[in-house]
N, C-alpha and C. Protein backbone atom coordinates (compact mmCIF):
# COMPACT_ATOMS: atom_id res chain seq x y z
N MET A 1 0.85 -1.02 -0.06
CA MET A 1 -0.07 0.02 -0.16
C MET A 1 0.99 1.18 -0.13
N ALA A 2 2.18 1.23 0.65
CA ALA A 2 2.96 2.15 0.62
C ALA A 2 3.26 2.80 -0.73
N GLU A 3 3.62 1.61 -1.52
CA GLU A 3 3.88 1.88 -2.94
C GLU A 3 2.92 2.81 -3.76
N GLU A 4 1.73 2.49 -3.73
CA GLU A 4 0.55 3.01 -4.32
C GLU A 4 0.44 4.59 -3.79
N LEU A 5 0.91 4.82 -2.45
CA LEU A 5 0.91 6.21 -2.20
C LEU A 5 2.13 6.78 -2.79
N PHE A 6 3.26 6.18 -2.59
CA PHE A 6 4.36 6.67 -2.83
C PHE A 6 4.05 7.29 -4.67
N ALA A 7 3.52 6.48 -5.39
CA ALA A 7 3.17 6.67 -7.01
C ALA A 7 2.44 7.59 -7.25
N ALA A 8 1.38 7.77 -6.38
CA ALA A 8 0.53 9.21 -6.27
C ALA A 8 1.38 10.57 -5.88
N ALA A 9 2.30 10.50 -4.89
CA ALA A 9 2.92 11.55 -4.44
C ALA A 9 3.86 11.96 -5.50
N LYS A 10 4.48 10.38 -6.31
CA LYS A 10 5.54 10.92 -7.34
C LYS A 10 4.96 11.83 -8.73
N ALA A 11 3.76 11.43 -8.99
CA ALA A 11 2.93 11.74 -10.04
C ALA A 11 2.66 13.15 -9.75
N ALA A 12 2.28 13.52 -8.41
CA ALA A 12 1.81 14.96 -7.95
C ALA A 12 3.19 15.73 -8.14
N MET A 13 4.26 15.33 -7.81
CA MET A 13 5.57 16.06 -7.70
C MET A 13 5.76 16.56 -9.12
N GLU A 14 5.59 15.83 -10.13
CA GLU A 14 5.80 15.65 -11.54
C GLU A 14 5.09 16.99 -12.02
N ARG A 15 3.99 17.58 -11.33
CA ARG A 15 3.13 18.75 -11.64
C ARG A 15 3.49 19.67 -10.83
N ALA A 16 4.52 19.54 -10.17
CA ALA A 16 4.77 21.00 -9.16
C ALA A 16 4.57 21.92 -10.32
N TYR A 17 4.58 23.28 -9.45
CA TYR A 17 5.07 24.48 -9.99
C TYR A 17 6.03 25.10 -9.15
N SER A 18 7.28 25.22 -9.25
CA SER A 18 8.24 25.38 -8.57
C SER A 18 9.19 26.29 -9.58
N PRO A 19 8.80 27.47 -10.31
CA PRO A 19 9.72 28.13 -11.05
C PRO A 19 11.16 28.89 -10.25
N TYR A 20 10.51 29.09 -8.83
CA TYR A 20 11.44 30.12 -8.18
C TYR A 20 12.37 29.24 -7.45
N SER A 21 12.12 28.16 -6.59
CA SER A 21 12.95 27.21 -5.80
C SER A 21 13.53 26.31 -6.78
N ARG A 22 12.82 25.62 -7.71
CA ARG A 22 13.15 24.81 -8.66
C ARG A 22 13.46 23.53 -7.91
N PHE A 23 12.53 23.35 -6.87
CA PHE A 23 12.50 22.27 -5.91
C PHE A 23 11.04 21.78 -5.90
N PRO A 24 10.73 20.73 -6.81
CA PRO A 24 9.56 20.33 -6.80
C PRO A 24 9.24 19.02 -5.62
N VAL A 25 7.74 19.02 -5.20
CA VAL A 25 7.85 18.38 -3.97
C VAL A 25 6.28 17.71 -4.41
N GLY A 26 5.95 16.46 -3.83
CA GLY A 26 4.70 15.57 -4.02
C GLY A 26 4.35 15.10 -3.07
N SER A 27 3.31 14.96 -2.54
CA SER A 27 2.69 14.49 -1.31
C SER A 27 1.61 13.74 -1.59
N ALA A 28 1.36 12.61 -1.15
CA ALA A 28 -0.03 11.94 -0.98
C ALA A 28 -0.42 11.61 0.49
N ILE A 29 -1.69 11.71 0.76
CA ILE A 29 -2.35 11.13 1.90
C ILE A 29 -3.35 9.94 1.66
N ARG A 30 -3.68 9.36 2.68
CA ARG A 30 -4.62 8.19 2.71
C ARG A 30 -5.52 8.21 3.88
N THR A 31 -6.62 8.44 3.58
CA THR A 31 -7.56 8.45 4.86
C THR A 31 -8.16 7.16 5.20
N GLU A 32 -8.44 7.03 6.55
CA GLU A 32 -8.81 5.83 7.18
C GLU A 32 -9.73 5.11 6.25
N ALA A 33 -10.58 5.76 5.52
CA ALA A 33 -11.50 5.02 4.80
C ALA A 33 -10.88 4.50 3.37
N GLY A 34 -9.49 4.91 2.94
CA GLY A 34 -8.88 4.17 2.06
C GLY A 34 -8.86 5.32 0.84
N ALA A 35 -9.13 6.46 0.83
CA ALA A 35 -9.20 7.13 -0.29
C ALA A 35 -7.63 8.04 -0.28
N VAL A 36 -7.27 7.94 -1.53
CA VAL A 36 -5.92 8.85 -1.82
C VAL A 36 -6.04 10.06 -2.23
N HIS A 37 -5.28 11.45 -1.81
CA HIS A 37 -5.43 12.70 -2.12
C HIS A 37 -4.14 13.11 -2.21
N ALA A 38 -3.59 13.50 -3.60
CA ALA A 38 -2.19 14.20 -3.70
C ALA A 38 -2.19 15.53 -4.00
N GLY A 39 -1.18 16.07 -3.88
CA GLY A 39 -0.86 17.57 -4.05
C GLY A 39 0.69 17.59 -4.45
N CYS A 40 0.84 18.80 -5.05
CA CYS A 40 2.19 19.43 -5.14
C CYS A 40 2.50 20.66 -4.62
N ASN A 41 3.75 21.06 -4.36
CA ASN A 41 3.79 22.29 -4.11
C ASN A 41 3.68 23.50 -5.22
N ILE A 42 3.11 24.62 -5.06
CA ILE A 42 2.62 25.65 -5.73
C ILE A 42 3.23 26.71 -5.50
N GLU A 43 4.34 27.42 -6.12
CA GLU A 43 4.93 28.74 -5.73
C GLU A 43 4.25 29.97 -6.83
N ASN A 44 4.67 31.19 -6.08
CA ASN A 44 4.34 32.37 -6.87
C ASN A 44 5.23 33.22 -6.63
N ALA A 45 5.03 34.65 -7.36
CA ALA A 45 6.24 35.41 -7.45
C ALA A 45 6.43 36.20 -6.19
N SER A 46 5.43 35.89 -5.23
CA SER A 46 5.70 36.43 -3.61
C SER A 46 6.33 35.38 -3.11
N TYR A 47 7.41 35.01 -3.60
CA TYR A 47 7.76 33.57 -2.71
C TYR A 47 8.13 34.27 -1.30
N PRO A 48 8.05 33.20 -0.33
CA PRO A 48 7.82 32.01 -0.08
C PRO A 48 6.08 31.82 0.11
N GLU A 49 5.31 32.63 -0.35
CA GLU A 49 3.61 32.65 0.06
C GLU A 49 2.87 31.65 -1.17
N GLY A 50 3.72 30.69 -1.43
CA GLY A 50 3.08 29.41 -2.13
C GLY A 50 2.47 28.53 -1.28
N TRP A 51 2.09 27.61 -1.79
CA TRP A 51 1.47 26.48 -0.60
C TRP A 51 2.56 25.23 -0.78
N CYS A 52 2.51 24.50 0.29
CA CYS A 52 3.42 23.04 0.26
C CYS A 52 2.67 21.85 -0.69
N ALA A 53 3.12 20.86 -0.90
CA ALA A 53 2.64 19.72 -1.35
C ALA A 53 1.66 19.17 -0.58
N GLU A 54 1.85 19.00 0.83
CA GLU A 54 0.93 18.46 1.99
C GLU A 54 -0.10 19.62 2.15
N THR A 55 -0.10 20.50 1.90
CA THR A 55 -1.28 21.73 2.15
C THR A 55 -2.24 21.21 0.90
N THR A 56 -1.61 20.97 -0.38
CA THR A 56 -2.43 21.09 -1.38
C THR A 56 -3.02 19.54 -1.33
N ALA A 57 -2.52 18.26 -0.79
CA ALA A 57 -3.29 17.26 -0.65
C ALA A 57 -4.50 17.31 0.43
N LEU A 58 -3.84 17.82 1.37
CA LEU A 58 -5.25 18.12 2.66
C LEU A 58 -6.10 18.89 1.98
N GLY A 59 -6.05 20.02 0.89
CA GLY A 59 -7.13 20.81 0.57
C GLY A 59 -8.04 19.61 -0.44
N HIS A 60 -7.40 19.08 -1.03
CA HIS A 60 -8.29 18.04 -2.14
C HIS A 60 -8.89 17.22 -1.03
N MET A 61 -8.42 16.58 0.09
CA MET A 61 -9.30 15.58 0.95
C MET A 61 -10.37 16.63 1.70
N ILE A 62 -10.21 17.62 1.92
CA ILE A 62 -11.30 18.41 2.38
C ILE A 62 -12.28 18.58 1.75
N MET A 63 -11.80 19.01 0.48
CA MET A 63 -12.72 19.35 -0.63
C MET A 63 -13.93 18.10 -0.99
N ALA A 64 -12.98 16.63 -0.70
CA ALA A 64 -13.72 15.38 -1.33
C ALA A 64 -14.63 15.12 -0.02
N GLY A 65 -14.72 15.74 0.87
CA GLY A 65 -15.40 15.49 2.05
C GLY A 65 -14.71 15.28 3.17
N GLY A 66 -13.59 15.32 3.36
CA GLY A 66 -12.76 14.88 4.52
C GLY A 66 -12.33 13.85 5.05
N GLY A 67 -11.84 13.74 6.36
CA GLY A 67 -11.66 12.24 6.96
C GLY A 67 -10.40 12.57 7.67
N ARG A 68 -9.86 11.43 8.07
CA ARG A 68 -8.81 11.28 9.12
C ARG A 68 -7.58 10.51 8.15
N VAL A 69 -6.41 11.29 8.43
CA VAL A 69 -5.32 10.66 7.44
C VAL A 69 -4.27 9.45 8.30
N SER A 70 -4.76 8.66 7.70
CA SER A 70 -3.76 7.39 8.24
C SER A 70 -2.14 7.23 7.74
N GLU A 71 -1.95 7.54 6.45
CA GLU A 71 -0.82 7.31 6.00
C GLU A 71 -0.40 8.79 5.06
N ILE A 72 0.91 9.19 5.17
CA ILE A 72 1.52 10.17 4.20
C ILE A 72 2.68 9.68 3.66
N ALA A 73 2.90 10.35 2.35
CA ALA A 73 4.23 10.04 1.66
C ALA A 73 4.40 11.11 0.91
N VAL A 74 5.62 11.47 1.21
CA VAL A 74 6.26 12.79 0.68
C VAL A 74 7.53 12.30 -0.49
N VAL A 75 7.63 13.23 -1.41
CA VAL A 75 8.78 12.66 -2.31
C VAL A 75 9.04 14.22 -2.92
N ALA A 76 10.60 14.27 -2.88
CA ALA A 76 11.17 15.52 -3.78
C ALA A 76 12.18 15.05 -4.80
N GLU A 77 12.19 15.56 -5.51
CA GLU A 77 13.28 15.29 -6.83
C GLU A 77 14.53 15.51 -6.39
N LYS A 78 14.87 16.34 -5.50
CA LYS A 78 16.38 16.88 -5.35
C LYS A 78 16.81 16.31 -3.79
N MET A 79 15.73 15.78 -3.00
CA MET A 79 15.94 15.37 -1.78
C MET A 79 15.56 14.29 -1.00
N PRO A 80 16.41 13.28 -0.86
CA PRO A 80 15.55 11.98 -0.33
C PRO A 80 15.36 12.17 1.18
N ARG A 81 14.31 11.77 1.30
CA ARG A 81 13.66 11.34 2.72
C ARG A 81 13.29 13.01 3.46
N ILE A 82 12.68 13.56 2.68
CA ILE A 82 12.09 14.86 2.82
C ILE A 82 11.34 14.90 3.76
N MET A 83 10.99 15.75 4.85
CA MET A 83 10.17 15.94 5.83
C MET A 83 9.19 17.05 5.47
N PRO A 84 8.20 17.06 6.15
CA PRO A 84 6.89 18.04 5.84
C PRO A 84 7.76 19.28 6.78
N CYS A 85 7.56 20.42 6.21
CA CYS A 85 8.06 21.59 6.98
C CYS A 85 7.13 21.74 8.31
N GLY A 86 7.50 22.81 9.22
CA GLY A 86 6.80 22.71 10.38
C GLY A 86 5.52 23.09 10.19
N GLY A 87 4.98 23.98 9.08
CA GLY A 87 3.63 24.57 9.09
C GLY A 87 2.70 23.37 8.67
N CYS A 88 3.33 22.42 7.96
CA CYS A 88 2.82 21.32 7.27
C CYS A 88 2.36 20.13 8.25
N ARG A 89 3.55 20.16 9.25
CA ARG A 89 3.27 19.16 10.39
C ARG A 89 2.17 19.54 11.06
N GLN A 90 2.20 20.69 11.42
CA GLN A 90 0.94 21.20 12.22
C GLN A 90 -0.76 21.20 11.45
N ARG A 91 -0.39 21.66 10.18
CA ARG A 91 -1.67 21.35 9.54
C ARG A 91 -2.17 19.55 9.47
N LEU A 92 -1.12 18.94 9.32
CA LEU A 92 -1.17 17.48 9.25
C LEU A 92 -1.85 16.94 10.56
N SER A 93 -1.27 17.51 11.36
CA SER A 93 -1.39 16.87 12.91
C SER A 93 -2.98 17.14 13.16
N GLU A 94 -3.74 17.89 12.56
CA GLU A 94 -5.13 18.33 13.06
C GLU A 94 -6.04 17.19 12.39
N PHE A 95 -5.31 16.39 11.53
CA PHE A 95 -6.05 15.42 10.86
C PHE A 95 -5.59 14.15 10.42
N VAL A 96 -4.82 13.51 11.31
CA VAL A 96 -3.92 12.55 11.35
C VAL A 96 -4.49 11.54 12.51
N THR A 97 -4.64 10.58 12.23
CA THR A 97 -4.94 9.29 13.25
C THR A 97 -3.84 9.29 14.48
N ALA A 98 -4.01 8.56 15.53
CA ALA A 98 -2.81 8.41 16.38
C ALA A 98 -1.92 7.41 16.02
N ASP A 99 -2.00 6.84 15.10
CA ASP A 99 -0.91 5.76 14.54
C ASP A 99 -0.55 6.11 13.09
N ALA A 100 -0.79 7.17 12.61
CA ALA A 100 -0.49 7.56 11.19
C ALA A 100 0.77 7.26 10.87
N LYS A 101 1.19 7.04 9.58
CA LYS A 101 2.68 6.71 9.17
C LYS A 101 3.14 7.74 8.23
N LEU A 102 4.47 8.12 8.15
CA LEU A 102 5.00 8.92 7.39
C LEU A 102 5.90 7.89 6.54
N HIS A 103 5.78 8.18 5.47
CA HIS A 103 6.63 7.39 4.42
C HIS A 103 7.73 8.39 3.84
N LEU A 104 8.77 8.43 3.94
CA LEU A 104 9.85 9.37 3.48
C LEU A 104 10.58 8.63 2.23
N CYS A 105 10.30 9.30 1.24
CA CYS A 105 10.74 8.76 -0.24
C CYS A 105 12.05 9.47 -0.82
N ASP A 106 12.67 8.68 -1.77
CA ASP A 106 13.44 9.33 -3.10
C ASP A 106 12.50 9.18 -4.15
N ILE A 107 13.19 9.45 -5.37
CA ILE A 107 12.28 9.27 -6.53
C ILE A 107 12.20 7.66 -6.96
N ASN A 108 12.80 6.94 -6.37
CA ASN A 108 12.53 5.40 -6.78
C ASN A 108 11.58 4.89 -5.71
N GLY A 109 11.35 5.26 -4.54
CA GLY A 109 10.26 4.66 -3.67
C GLY A 109 10.46 5.20 -2.29
N VAL A 110 9.93 4.18 -1.21
CA VAL A 110 9.79 4.53 0.00
C VAL A 110 11.30 4.28 0.67
N LEU A 111 11.91 5.15 1.14
CA LEU A 111 12.99 4.78 2.16
C LEU A 111 13.04 4.30 3.43
N GLU A 112 11.98 4.90 4.03
CA GLU A 112 11.73 4.64 5.60
C GLU A 112 10.41 5.00 5.83
N THR A 113 9.73 4.32 6.75
CA THR A 113 8.21 4.76 7.41
C THR A 113 8.58 4.97 8.88
N VAL A 114 8.28 6.12 9.51
CA VAL A 114 8.24 6.56 10.71
C VAL A 114 7.09 6.90 11.23
N PRO A 115 6.60 6.84 12.49
CA PRO A 115 5.08 7.22 13.09
C PRO A 115 5.24 8.73 12.92
N PHE A 116 4.04 9.35 12.19
CA PHE A 116 3.84 10.72 12.36
C PHE A 116 4.28 11.24 13.74
N ALA A 117 3.59 10.60 14.83
CA ALA A 117 3.86 11.29 16.13
C ALA A 117 5.32 11.57 16.55
N SER A 118 6.06 10.61 15.70
CA SER A 118 7.45 10.99 16.28
C SER A 118 8.32 12.33 15.89
N ILE A 119 7.70 12.75 14.72
CA ILE A 119 8.42 13.81 13.84
C ILE A 119 7.34 15.32 14.61
N PHE A 120 6.34 14.86 15.20
CA PHE A 120 5.68 16.35 15.70
C PHE A 120 4.98 15.80 16.79
N PRO A 121 5.88 15.72 17.94
CA PRO A 121 4.94 15.10 19.17
C PRO A 121 4.19 16.13 19.96
N ARG A 122 4.19 17.40 19.68
CA ARG A 122 3.80 18.46 20.50
C ARG A 122 3.27 19.65 19.67
N ALA A 123 2.23 18.93 19.01
CA ALA A 123 1.37 20.05 18.16
C ALA A 123 0.62 21.09 18.85
N PHE A 124 0.34 22.09 18.46
CA PHE A 124 -0.92 23.17 19.02
C PHE A 124 -2.13 22.37 19.09
N ASP A 125 -2.86 22.49 19.85
CA ASP A 125 -4.06 21.58 20.27
C ASP A 125 -5.21 22.97 20.98
N MET A 126 -6.36 22.44 20.42
CA MET A 126 -7.33 23.40 20.99
C MET A 126 -7.92 23.12 22.16
N GLU A 127 -7.55 21.97 22.71
CA GLU A 127 -8.00 21.45 24.13
C GLU A 127 -7.06 22.31 25.20
N PRO A 128 -7.52 22.81 26.12
CA PRO A 128 -7.02 23.35 27.34
C PRO A 128 -6.33 22.35 28.00
N GLY A 129 -5.00 22.72 28.19
CA GLY A 129 -4.18 21.71 29.01
C GLY A 129 -3.78 20.52 28.44
N ALA A 130 -4.15 20.33 27.33
CA ALA A 130 -3.56 19.14 26.23
C ALA A 130 -2.38 19.37 26.10
């Protein structure tokens, strides 16, 4: 199943709009229900005011009806094992399941799988005292 998610992330990366950084990134997320949503980074001339691949994938998920994210794959053409940035970690944290997996990839496939909680253990939370 991680291979399917990687393939969706890589296909999204190939559609990235990154004329300023020249750093295309793709991401794909799988919901608990099994739906896959992919996204790429999209830059603009007011760099860095574009949005990340993970943000785009989450937007597609929300527009398709939402859900909880159980798996995430991220791939960048120029950096193996790329991690979601801090902003995307927070965005993802609001939708991930407690046991969500993050697949770190290179352009050939998944290199490593880690628990999402291990890369972002203390997200902002709306619950007082949490």
